[in-house]
């Protein structure tokens, strides 16, 4: 029995594809097929893509995202600026007076530390941006599917409303014809009554 149900489901999906997309099922994109299945099965297509994607991240990817998030925050910029100012003040004024400056002007050690920080931080930020771009692409594809399903459902509702209107018009016309017949009979009955009384 199950194969028959599957074949009837396949036929229904093919019919819906031809009706809604004006194309054969084989010519539909993967997203359009996905939407067609959800329409036939009457199941929601909305999911939380970000949550589903976040659950699949490795520990390293989560750490890279946190580093990139912190590296692009005002807190990091403030701490970074404070450390640089303290470094310069210590090496330019305080430690020079004590004759024990460990990185005098032009601050070569500071340049080395900043270069190492940039060399480590840049690939981490790029990895995080690549993941964010992938998440955005997933969101965009999912939004397209949701919008397409909503549009097709609205089209279906319009068709149902138009069909109901047509049926109601037919019923109204039949009722009106019947009322006209009754009115005609009443007029004839009134004429007969006038002839008989007059």
N, C-alpha and C. Protein backbone atom coordinates (compact mmCIF):
# COMPACT_ATOMS: atom_id res chain seq x y z
N UNK A 1 0.81 -1.20 0.00
CA UNK A 1 0.00 0.00 0.00
C UNK A 1 0.85 1.26 0.00
N UNK A 2 1.98 1.22 0.71
CA UNK A 2 2.79 2.42 0.81
C UNK A 2 3.31 2.92 -0.53
N UNK A 3 3.80 2.04 -1.45
CA UNK A 3 4.26 2.55 -2.73
C UNK A 3 3.16 3.29 -3.50
N UNK A 4 1.92 2.83 -3.37
CA UNK A 4 0.83 3.49 -4.07
C UNK A 4 0.66 4.91 -3.52
N UNK A 5 0.77 5.04 -2.17
CA UNK A 5 0.64 6.35 -1.56
C UNK A 5 1.77 7.27 -2.01
N UNK A 6 2.98 6.71 -2.09
CA UNK A 6 4.11 7.51 -2.54
C UNK A 6 3.93 7.95 -3.99
N UNK A 7 3.43 7.06 -4.84
CA UNK A 7 3.24 7.43 -6.24
C UNK A 7 2.12 8.45 -6.38
N UNK A 8 1.07 8.33 -5.56
CA UNK A 8 0.00 9.33 -5.62
C UNK A 8 0.52 10.66 -5.09
N UNK A 9 1.40 10.61 -4.08
CA UNK A 9 2.01 11.84 -3.56
C UNK A 9 2.89 12.48 -4.63
N UNK A 10 3.68 11.64 -5.34
CA UNK A 10 4.53 12.14 -6.42
C UNK A 10 3.68 12.79 -7.50
N UNK A 11 2.58 12.13 -7.87
CA UNK A 11 1.71 12.70 -8.89
C UNK A 11 1.11 14.03 -8.42
N UNK A 12 0.74 14.09 -7.15
CA UNK A 12 0.18 15.33 -6.61
C UNK A 12 1.22 16.44 -6.64
N UNK A 13 2.46 16.11 -6.25
CA UNK A 13 3.53 17.10 -6.28
C UNK A 13 3.79 17.58 -7.70
N UNK A 14 3.78 16.66 -8.64
CA UNK A 14 3.99 17.04 -10.04
C UNK A 14 2.87 17.95 -10.53
N UNK A 15 1.62 17.62 -10.15
CA UNK A 15 0.48 18.46 -10.54
C UNK A 15 0.60 19.86 -9.95
N UNK A 16 0.97 19.92 -8.66
CA UNK A 16 1.12 21.23 -8.00
C UNK A 16 2.24 22.02 -8.64
N UNK A 17 3.34 21.35 -8.96
CA UNK A 17 4.47 22.03 -9.59
C UNK A 17 4.04 22.64 -10.93
N UNK A 18 3.33 21.87 -11.71
CA UNK A 18 2.89 22.39 -13.01
C UNK A 18 1.89 23.53 -12.83
N UNK A 19 1.02 23.41 -11.84
CA UNK A 19 0.00 24.44 -11.63
C UNK A 19 0.61 25.72 -11.08
N UNK A 20 1.43 25.61 -10.03
CA UNK A 20 1.95 26.81 -9.37
C UNK A 20 3.16 27.42 -10.06
N UNK A 21 4.03 26.59 -10.58
CA UNK A 21 5.27 27.10 -11.16
C UNK A 21 5.23 27.15 -12.69
N UNK A 22 4.17 26.63 -13.28
CA UNK A 22 4.07 26.56 -14.74
C UNK A 22 5.30 25.87 -15.33
N UNK A 23 5.72 24.80 -14.67
CA UNK A 23 6.90 24.08 -15.10
C UNK A 23 6.80 22.64 -14.61
N UNK A 24 7.48 21.75 -15.30
CA UNK A 24 7.51 20.37 -14.86
C UNK A 24 8.38 20.24 -13.62
N UNK A 25 8.08 19.24 -12.81
CA UNK A 25 8.78 19.03 -11.54
C UNK A 25 10.29 18.89 -11.75
N UNK A 26 10.69 18.21 -12.79
CA UNK A 26 12.11 17.99 -13.06
C UNK A 26 12.84 19.30 -13.36
N UNK A 27 12.13 20.31 -13.83
CA UNK A 27 12.75 21.58 -14.19
C UNK A 27 12.83 22.56 -13.03
N UNK A 28 12.26 22.19 -11.89
CA UNK A 28 12.26 23.09 -10.73
C UNK A 28 13.62 23.08 -10.04
N UNK A 29 13.94 24.18 -9.39
CA UNK A 29 15.16 24.23 -8.58
C UNK A 29 14.92 23.43 -7.30
N UNK A 30 15.98 23.17 -6.58
CA UNK A 30 15.86 22.41 -5.33
C UNK A 30 14.96 23.15 -4.34
N UNK A 31 15.10 24.48 -4.29
CA UNK A 31 14.26 25.27 -3.38
C UNK A 31 12.79 25.19 -3.76
N UNK A 32 12.50 25.26 -5.04
CA UNK A 32 11.11 25.18 -5.49
C UNK A 32 10.52 23.80 -5.19
N UNK A 33 11.32 22.77 -5.35
CA UNK A 33 10.85 21.42 -4.99
C UNK A 33 10.55 21.32 -3.51
N UNK A 34 11.44 21.90 -2.70
CA UNK A 34 11.28 21.89 -1.25
C UNK A 34 9.97 22.59 -0.88
N UNK A 35 9.70 23.73 -1.51
CA UNK A 35 8.47 24.48 -1.24
C UNK A 35 7.26 23.68 -1.69
N UNK A 36 7.35 23.04 -2.85
CA UNK A 36 6.23 22.23 -3.34
C UNK A 36 5.89 21.11 -2.37
N UNK A 37 6.89 20.46 -1.83
CA UNK A 37 6.66 19.40 -0.85
C UNK A 37 5.96 19.94 0.39
N UNK A 38 6.40 21.11 0.87
CA UNK A 38 5.78 21.69 2.06
C UNK A 38 4.33 22.11 1.78
N UNK A 39 4.06 22.57 0.58
CA UNK A 39 2.68 22.95 0.25
C UNK A 39 1.78 21.72 0.22
N UNK A 40 2.26 20.65 -0.40
CA UNK A 40 1.46 19.43 -0.49
C UNK A 40 1.24 18.84 0.90
N UNK A 41 2.30 18.80 1.70
CA UNK A 41 2.21 18.18 3.02
C UNK A 41 1.56 19.10 4.06
N UNK A 42 1.35 20.37 3.68
CA UNK A 42 0.75 21.36 4.59
C UNK A 42 1.56 21.48 5.88
N UNK A 43 2.88 21.55 5.73
CA UNK A 43 3.77 21.69 6.89
C UNK A 43 4.45 23.05 6.83
N UNK A 44 4.79 23.60 8.00
CA UNK A 44 5.49 24.89 8.00
C UNK A 44 6.89 24.76 7.44
N UNK A 45 7.34 25.81 6.81
CA UNK A 45 8.67 25.79 6.21
C UNK A 45 9.65 26.61 7.05
N UNK A 46 9.13 27.41 7.96
CA UNK A 46 9.98 28.29 8.78
C UNK A 46 10.77 27.48 9.80
N UNK A 47 12.05 27.80 9.88
CA UNK A 47 12.92 27.23 10.91
C UNK A 47 13.88 28.33 11.35
N UNK A 48 14.52 28.13 12.49
CA UNK A 48 15.50 29.08 12.98
C UNK A 48 16.86 28.65 12.44
N UNK A 49 17.25 29.20 11.32
CA UNK A 49 18.49 28.82 10.63
C UNK A 49 19.70 29.12 11.51
N UNK A 50 19.71 30.28 12.17
CA UNK A 50 20.86 30.67 12.99
C UNK A 50 21.07 29.68 14.12
N UNK A 51 19.98 29.28 14.78
CA UNK A 51 20.11 28.32 15.88
C UNK A 51 20.60 26.96 15.36
N UNK A 52 20.01 26.50 14.25
CA UNK A 52 20.43 25.22 13.69
C UNK A 52 21.91 25.25 13.30
N UNK A 53 22.35 26.38 12.71
CA UNK A 53 23.74 26.50 12.29
C UNK A 53 24.67 26.60 13.51
N UNK A 54 24.24 27.37 14.53
CA UNK A 54 25.08 27.56 15.72
C UNK A 54 25.32 26.25 16.46
N UNK A 55 24.35 25.36 16.42
CA UNK A 55 24.50 24.07 17.10
C UNK A 55 25.56 23.19 16.43
N UNK A 56 25.89 23.47 15.17
CA UNK A 56 26.85 22.65 14.43
C UNK A 56 28.28 23.18 14.53
N UNK A 57 28.48 24.35 15.13
CA UNK A 57 29.82 24.95 15.19
C UNK A 57 30.73 24.16 16.14
N UNK A 58 32.00 24.08 15.75
CA UNK A 58 32.99 23.45 16.62
C UNK A 58 33.44 24.45 17.68
N UNK A 59 34.18 23.97 18.67
CA UNK A 59 34.67 24.83 19.74
C UNK A 59 35.58 25.92 19.16
N UNK A 60 36.45 25.55 18.22
CA UNK A 60 37.35 26.52 17.60
C UNK A 60 36.59 27.61 16.86
N UNK A 61 35.53 27.22 16.16
CA UNK A 61 34.73 28.21 15.43
C UNK A 61 34.01 29.15 16.38
N UNK A 62 33.51 28.60 17.49
CA UNK A 62 32.84 29.46 18.48
C UNK A 62 33.84 30.43 19.11
N UNK A 63 35.04 29.94 19.40
CA UNK A 63 36.08 30.82 19.97
C UNK A 63 36.46 31.91 18.98
N UNK A 64 36.61 31.53 17.71
CA UNK A 64 36.97 32.52 16.69
C UNK A 64 35.89 33.60 16.57
N UNK A 65 34.64 33.20 16.67
CA UNK A 65 33.55 34.18 16.62
C UNK A 65 33.60 35.11 17.82
N UNK A 66 33.92 34.56 19.00
CA UNK A 66 34.00 35.41 20.20
C UNK A 66 35.18 36.36 20.12
N UNK A 67 36.32 35.87 19.62
CA UNK A 67 37.50 36.74 19.45
C UNK A 67 37.19 37.85 18.46
N UNK A 68 36.55 37.50 17.34
CA UNK A 68 36.21 38.50 16.33
C UNK A 68 35.20 39.50 16.89
N UNK A 69 34.26 39.00 17.67
CA UNK A 69 33.26 39.88 18.27
C UNK A 69 33.91 40.85 19.25
N UNK A 70 34.82 40.33 20.08
CA UNK A 70 35.52 41.20 21.04
C UNK A 70 36.46 42.15 20.32
N UNK A 71 37.16 41.64 19.28
CA UNK A 71 38.12 42.48 18.54
C UNK A 71 37.45 43.61 17.79
N UNK A 72 36.17 43.51 17.54
CA UNK A 72 35.46 44.56 16.84
C UNK A 72 34.56 45.37 17.76
N UNK A 73 34.88 45.39 19.05
CA UNK A 73 34.02 46.11 20.00
C UNK A 73 34.74 47.36 20.54
N UNK A 74 33.96 48.25 21.09
CA UNK A 74 34.51 49.46 21.69
C UNK A 74 35.31 49.13 22.94
N UNK A 75 34.96 48.06 23.61
CA UNK A 75 35.71 47.65 24.80
C UNK A 75 37.15 47.33 24.40
N UNK A 76 37.32 46.56 23.31
CA UNK A 76 38.66 46.21 22.84
C UNK A 76 39.42 47.47 22.42
N UNK A 77 38.76 48.35 21.69
CA UNK A 77 39.43 49.58 21.24
C UNK A 77 39.86 50.42 22.43
N UNK A 78 39.00 50.50 23.44
CA UNK A 78 39.33 51.29 24.64
C UNK A 78 40.51 50.68 25.38
N UNK A 79 40.46 49.37 25.60
CA UNK A 79 41.57 48.68 26.30
C UNK A 79 42.86 48.83 25.50
N UNK A 80 42.77 48.65 24.19
CA UNK A 80 43.92 48.74 23.31
C UNK A 80 44.53 50.14 23.37
N UNK A 81 43.68 51.17 23.32
CA UNK A 81 44.16 52.55 23.39
C UNK A 81 44.82 52.82 24.74
N UNK A 82 44.20 52.34 25.82
CA UNK A 82 44.78 52.54 27.16
C UNK A 82 46.14 51.87 27.30
N UNK A 83 46.26 50.64 26.81
CA UNK A 83 47.54 49.92 26.88
C UNK A 83 48.61 50.67 26.09
N UNK A 84 48.27 51.17 24.92
CA UNK A 84 49.26 51.91 24.11
C UNK A 84 49.68 53.19 24.80
N UNK A 85 48.73 53.92 25.37
CA UNK A 85 49.06 55.18 26.06
C UNK A 85 49.94 54.89 27.27
N UNK A 86 49.60 53.87 28.07
CA UNK A 86 50.41 53.51 29.24
C UNK A 86 51.81 53.09 28.80
N UNK A 87 51.88 52.29 27.74
CA UNK A 87 53.18 51.82 27.22
C UNK A 87 54.05 53.01 26.83
N UNK A 88 53.48 53.95 26.08
CA UNK A 88 54.24 55.11 25.61
C UNK A 88 54.66 55.99 26.78
N UNK A 89 53.72 56.23 27.70
CA UNK A 89 54.05 57.09 28.85
C UNK A 89 55.13 56.44 29.71
N UNK A 90 55.00 55.15 29.96
CA UNK A 90 56.00 54.47 30.78
C UNK A 90 57.38 54.52 30.14
N UNK A 91 57.46 54.24 28.86
CA UNK A 91 58.75 54.16 28.18
C UNK A 91 59.31 55.52 27.78
N UNK A 92 58.46 56.53 27.70
CA UNK A 92 58.95 57.84 27.29
C UNK A 92 59.27 58.74 28.47
N UNK A 93 58.55 58.58 29.55
CA UNK A 93 58.73 59.54 30.64
C UNK A 93 59.20 58.87 31.94
N UNK A 94 58.47 57.91 32.40
CA UNK A 94 58.74 57.35 33.72
C UNK A 94 60.03 56.54 33.73
N UNK A 95 60.13 55.56 32.85
CA UNK A 95 61.29 54.66 32.88
C UNK A 95 62.56 55.32 32.36
N UNK A 96 62.43 56.33 31.51
CA UNK A 96 63.63 57.04 31.04
C UNK A 96 64.27 57.80 32.20
N UNK A 97 63.43 58.37 33.06
CA UNK A 97 63.96 59.09 34.23
C UNK A 97 64.65 58.14 35.19
N UNK A 98 64.20 56.87 35.20
CA UNK A 98 64.81 55.88 36.08
C UNK A 98 65.94 55.11 35.37
N UNK A 99 66.23 55.45 34.13
CA UNK A 99 67.24 54.80 33.30
C UNK A 99 67.01 53.30 33.15
N UNK A 100 65.75 52.89 33.05
CA UNK A 100 65.48 51.46 32.87
C UNK A 100 64.37 51.24 31.83
N UNK A 101 64.32 52.03 30.81
CA UNK A 101 63.30 51.91 29.77
C UNK A 101 63.54 50.63 28.97
N UNK A 102 62.52 49.80 28.82
CA UNK A 102 62.68 48.54 28.08
C UNK A 102 62.30 48.66 26.61
N UNK A 103 61.62 49.75 26.21
CA UNK A 103 61.27 49.95 24.80
C UNK A 103 61.26 51.44 24.50
N UNK A 104 62.44 52.04 24.37
CA UNK A 104 62.48 53.49 24.12
C UNK A 104 61.96 53.83 22.72
N UNK A 105 61.69 55.12 22.52
CA UNK A 105 61.24 55.61 21.23
C UNK A 105 62.20 55.12 20.18
N UNK A 106 61.78 54.60 19.07
CA UNK A 106 60.53 54.52 18.32
C UNK A 106 59.68 53.29 18.63
N UNK A 107 59.77 52.73 19.82
CA UNK A 107 58.89 51.68 20.32
C UNK A 107 58.87 50.44 19.40
N UNK A 108 60.02 49.89 19.16
CA UNK A 108 60.15 48.74 18.28
C UNK A 108 59.45 47.51 18.86
N UNK A 109 59.57 47.30 20.16
CA UNK A 109 58.90 46.17 20.80
C UNK A 109 57.37 46.31 20.70
N UNK A 110 56.87 47.54 20.87
CA UNK A 110 55.44 47.78 20.73
C UNK A 110 54.98 47.47 19.30
N UNK A 111 55.79 47.89 18.31
CA UNK A 111 55.46 47.58 16.90
C UNK A 111 55.42 46.07 16.66
N UNK A 112 56.37 45.36 17.27
CA UNK A 112 56.40 43.91 17.12
C UNK A 112 55.14 43.28 17.73
N UNK A 113 54.76 43.73 18.93
CA UNK A 113 53.56 43.19 19.60
C UNK A 113 52.31 43.50 18.76
N UNK A 114 52.22 44.72 18.26
CA UNK A 114 51.06 45.10 17.44
C UNK A 114 51.01 44.29 16.14
N UNK A 115 52.15 44.06 15.53
CA UNK A 115 52.20 43.26 14.29
C UNK A 115 51.77 41.83 14.56
N UNK A 116 52.25 41.25 15.68
CA UNK A 116 51.85 39.88 16.01
C UNK A 116 50.35 39.81 16.30
N UNK A 117 49.84 40.80 17.01
CA UNK A 117 48.41 40.84 17.31
C UNK A 117 47.59 40.91 16.01
N UNK A 118 48.02 41.76 15.09
CA UNK A 118 47.31 41.88 13.81
C UNK A 118 47.42 40.59 13.00
N UNK A 119 48.60 39.94 13.04
CA UNK A 119 48.79 38.70 12.29
C UNK A 119 47.91 37.57 12.83
N UNK A 120 47.68 37.56 14.12
CA UNK A 120 46.83 36.52 14.72
C UNK A 120 45.35 36.87 14.56
N UNK A 121 45.04 38.14 14.76
CA UNK A 121 43.63 38.56 14.77
C UNK A 121 43.02 38.55 13.36
N UNK A 122 43.77 38.91 12.35
CA UNK A 122 43.22 39.03 10.99
C UNK A 122 42.64 37.71 10.46
N UNK A 123 43.36 36.58 10.52
CA UNK A 123 42.76 35.33 10.02
C UNK A 123 41.55 34.88 10.84
N UNK A 124 41.61 35.15 12.15
CA UNK A 124 40.46 34.77 13.00
C UNK A 124 39.23 35.57 12.58
N UNK A 125 39.41 36.86 12.35
CA UNK A 125 38.29 37.69 11.92
C UNK A 125 37.79 37.26 10.55
N UNK A 126 38.70 36.91 9.65
CA UNK A 126 38.29 36.45 8.32
C UNK A 126 37.50 35.14 8.40
N UNK A 127 37.95 34.22 9.27
CA UNK A 127 37.19 32.97 9.43
C UNK A 127 35.78 33.27 9.93
N UNK A 128 35.69 34.17 10.90
CA UNK A 128 34.39 34.53 11.46
C UNK A 128 33.51 35.20 10.40
N UNK A 129 34.10 36.06 9.59
CA UNK A 129 33.34 36.72 8.53
C UNK A 129 32.86 35.72 7.48
N UNK A 130 33.70 34.74 7.17
CA UNK A 130 33.28 33.70 6.21
C UNK A 130 32.08 32.91 6.75
N UNK A 131 32.13 32.58 8.05
CA UNK A 131 30.99 31.88 8.65
C UNK A 131 29.75 32.76 8.65
N UNK A 132 29.93 34.05 8.95
CA UNK A 132 28.79 34.97 8.95
C UNK A 132 28.20 35.09 7.55
N UNK A 133 29.06 35.14 6.54
CA UNK A 133 28.58 35.22 5.16
C UNK A 133 27.81 33.95 4.80
N UNK A 134 28.29 32.79 5.26
CA UNK A 134 27.59 31.53 5.00
C UNK A 134 26.24 31.52 5.70
N UNK A 135 26.20 32.00 6.96
CA UNK A 135 24.92 32.09 7.69
C UNK A 135 23.96 33.03 6.97
N UNK A 136 24.48 34.15 6.49
CA UNK A 136 23.64 35.10 5.75
C UNK A 136 23.08 34.47 4.48
N UNK A 137 23.92 33.69 3.79
CA UNK A 137 23.46 33.01 2.58
C UNK A 137 22.37 31.99 2.91
N UNK A 138 22.55 31.24 4.00
CA UNK A 138 21.52 30.29 4.44
C UNK A 138 20.22 31.02 4.77
N UNK A 139 20.35 32.15 5.49
CA UNK A 139 19.16 32.94 5.83
C UNK A 139 18.46 33.45 4.58
N UNK A 140 19.22 33.91 3.62
CA UNK A 140 18.64 34.44 2.39
C UNK A 140 17.91 33.34 1.62
N UNK A 141 18.52 32.17 1.52
CA UNK A 141 17.88 31.06 0.82
C UNK A 141 16.61 30.63 1.54
N UNK A 142 16.67 30.60 2.87
CA UNK A 142 15.49 30.22 3.65
C UNK A 142 14.39 31.27 3.52
N UNK A 143 14.77 32.54 3.56
CA UNK A 143 13.79 33.61 3.38
C UNK A 143 13.11 33.50 2.02
N UNK A 144 13.90 33.16 0.99
CA UNK A 144 13.33 32.99 -0.34
C UNK A 144 12.28 31.86 -0.34
N UNK A 145 12.62 30.74 0.31
CA UNK A 145 11.68 29.62 0.36
C UNK A 145 10.41 30.01 1.11
N UNK A 146 10.56 30.69 2.24
CA UNK A 146 9.39 31.11 3.02
C UNK A 146 8.54 32.08 2.21
N UNK A 147 9.19 33.06 1.58
CA UNK A 147 8.46 34.04 0.77
C UNK A 147 7.76 33.37 -0.41
N UNK A 148 8.45 32.42 -1.05
CA UNK A 148 7.85 31.73 -2.19
C UNK A 148 6.64 30.92 -1.75
N UNK A 149 6.76 30.22 -0.63
CA UNK A 149 5.62 29.44 -0.14
C UNK A 149 4.46 30.36 0.21
N UNK A 150 4.77 31.47 0.89
CA UNK A 150 3.71 32.42 1.25
C UNK A 150 3.03 32.97 0.00
N UNK A 151 3.82 33.31 -1.00
CA UNK A 151 3.26 33.83 -2.25
C UNK A 151 2.36 32.79 -2.92
N UNK A 152 2.82 31.56 -2.96
CA UNK A 152 2.02 30.51 -3.60
C UNK A 152 0.76 30.21 -2.80
N UNK A 153 0.86 30.26 -1.47
CA UNK A 153 -0.33 30.05 -0.64
C UNK A 153 -1.33 31.18 -0.86
N UNK A 154 -0.84 32.41 -0.99
CA UNK A 154 -1.73 33.55 -1.25
C UNK A 154 -2.40 33.41 -2.60
N UNK A 155 -1.64 32.96 -3.60
CA UNK A 155 -2.23 32.73 -4.92
C UNK A 155 -3.33 31.68 -4.81
N UNK A 156 -3.04 30.61 -4.06
CA UNK A 156 -4.05 29.56 -3.87
C UNK A 156 -5.30 30.10 -3.17
N UNK A 157 -5.10 30.95 -2.16
CA UNK A 157 -6.25 31.54 -1.47
C UNK A 157 -7.06 32.43 -2.40
N UNK A 158 -6.37 33.19 -3.24
CA UNK A 158 -7.08 34.04 -4.22
C UNK A 158 -7.91 33.18 -5.18
N UNK A 159 -7.32 32.08 -5.61
CA UNK A 159 -8.06 31.19 -6.52
C UNK A 159 -9.30 30.62 -5.82
N UNK A 160 -9.14 30.25 -4.55
CA UNK A 160 -10.29 29.72 -3.80
C UNK A 160 -11.36 30.79 -3.62
N UNK A 161 -10.94 32.02 -3.30
CA UNK A 161 -11.89 33.11 -3.15
C UNK A 161 -12.61 33.41 -4.47
N UNK A 162 -11.85 33.42 -5.56
CA UNK A 162 -12.47 33.64 -6.87
C UNK A 162 -13.48 32.55 -7.18
N UNK A 163 -13.12 31.31 -6.86
CA UNK A 163 -14.03 30.18 -7.09
C UNK A 163 -15.29 30.33 -6.25
N UNK A 164 -15.11 30.72 -4.98
CA UNK A 164 -16.27 30.93 -4.11
C UNK A 164 -17.15 32.06 -4.64
N UNK A 165 -16.52 33.12 -5.13
CA UNK A 165 -17.29 34.23 -5.69
C UNK A 165 -18.12 33.77 -6.88
N UNK A 166 -17.48 32.98 -7.75
CA UNK A 166 -18.21 32.49 -8.93
C UNK A 166 -19.41 31.65 -8.51
N UNK A 167 -19.20 30.78 -7.52
CA UNK A 167 -20.30 29.94 -7.03
C UNK A 167 -21.39 30.80 -6.41
N UNK A 168 -20.99 31.81 -5.64
CA UNK A 168 -21.98 32.69 -5.02
C UNK A 168 -22.76 33.47 -6.06
N UNK A 169 -22.06 33.92 -7.11
CA UNK A 169 -22.76 34.65 -8.17
C UNK A 169 -23.78 33.75 -8.85
N UNK A 170 -23.38 32.52 -9.10
CA UNK A 170 -24.33 31.58 -9.72
C UNK A 170 -25.54 31.38 -8.82
N UNK A 171 -25.30 31.21 -7.52
CA UNK A 171 -26.41 31.02 -6.58
C UNK A 171 -27.28 32.26 -6.53
N UNK A 172 -26.65 33.44 -6.51
CA UNK A 172 -27.43 34.68 -6.47
C UNK A 172 -28.28 34.85 -7.73
N UNK A 173 -27.72 34.50 -8.86
CA UNK A 173 -28.48 34.60 -10.12
C UNK A 173 -29.67 33.64 -10.09
N UNK A 174 -29.44 32.41 -9.60
CA UNK A 174 -30.55 31.46 -9.50
C UNK A 174 -31.63 31.97 -8.54
N UNK A 175 -31.21 32.53 -7.41
CA UNK A 175 -32.18 33.08 -6.44
C UNK A 175 -32.94 34.24 -7.06
N UNK A 176 -32.22 35.08 -7.79
CA UNK A 176 -32.86 36.23 -8.41
C UNK A 176 -33.86 35.79 -9.48
N UNK A 177 -33.49 34.78 -10.28
CA UNK A 177 -34.41 34.27 -11.29
C UNK A 177 -35.67 33.70 -10.64
N UNK A 178 -35.47 33.00 -9.53
CA UNK A 178 -36.61 32.44 -8.82
C UNK A 178 -37.50 33.55 -8.25
N UNK A 179 -36.87 34.60 -7.72
CA UNK A 179 -37.63 35.73 -7.20
C UNK A 179 -38.40 36.43 -8.31
N UNK A 180 -37.76 36.56 -9.48
CA UNK A 180 -38.45 37.18 -10.62
C UNK A 180 -39.65 36.35 -11.06
N UNK A 181 -39.52 35.03 -11.05
CA UNK A 181 -40.65 34.16 -11.39
C UNK A 181 -41.78 34.36 -10.39
N UNK A 182 -41.43 34.40 -9.09
CA UNK A 182 -42.45 34.60 -8.06
C UNK A 182 -43.12 35.96 -8.21
N UNK A 183 -42.33 36.99 -8.51
CA UNK A 183 -42.91 38.31 -8.72
C UNK A 183 -43.83 38.31 -9.94
N UNK A 184 -43.40 37.64 -10.99
CA UNK A 184 -44.25 37.53 -12.20
C UNK A 184 -45.55 36.84 -11.87
N UNK A 185 -45.48 35.77 -11.09
CA UNK A 185 -46.70 35.07 -10.69
C UNK A 185 -47.60 35.96 -9.84
N UNK A 186 -46.98 36.72 -8.93
CA UNK A 186 -47.76 37.63 -8.10
C UNK A 186 -48.45 38.70 -8.94
N UNK A 187 -47.74 39.23 -9.92
CA UNK A 187 -48.34 40.24 -10.80
C UNK A 187 -49.50 39.64 -11.57
N UNK A 188 -49.32 38.43 -12.11
CA UNK A 188 -50.40 37.78 -12.85
C UNK A 188 -51.59 37.48 -11.94
N UNK A 189 -51.28 37.03 -10.70
CA UNK A 189 -52.35 36.77 -9.74
C UNK A 189 -53.12 38.04 -9.40
N UNK A 190 -52.38 39.15 -9.25
CA UNK A 190 -53.04 40.43 -8.97
C UNK A 190 -53.92 40.86 -10.15
N UNK A 191 -53.42 40.65 -11.37
CA UNK A 191 -54.21 41.01 -12.56
C UNK A 191 -55.47 40.16 -12.62
N UNK A 192 -55.35 38.87 -12.33
CA UNK A 192 -56.51 37.98 -12.34
C UNK A 192 -57.53 38.40 -11.27
N UNK A 193 -56.98 38.76 -10.08
CA UNK A 193 -57.88 39.20 -9.00
C UNK A 193 -58.61 40.48 -9.40
N UNK A 194 -57.92 41.40 -10.08
CA UNK A 194 -58.58 42.64 -10.51
C UNK A 194 -59.66 42.34 -11.55
N UNK A 195 -59.39 41.43 -12.47
CA UNK A 195 -60.38 41.08 -13.50
C UNK A 195 -61.60 40.42 -12.86
N UNK A 196 -61.31 39.54 -11.91
CA UNK A 196 -62.41 38.82 -11.26
C UNK A 196 -63.25 39.75 -10.38
N UNK A 197 -62.63 40.71 -9.74
CA UNK A 197 -63.37 41.63 -8.89
C UNK A 197 -63.92 42.81 -9.69
N UNK A 198 -63.34 43.12 -10.76
CA UNK A 198 -63.74 44.30 -11.50
C UNK A 198 -64.62 44.05 -12.62
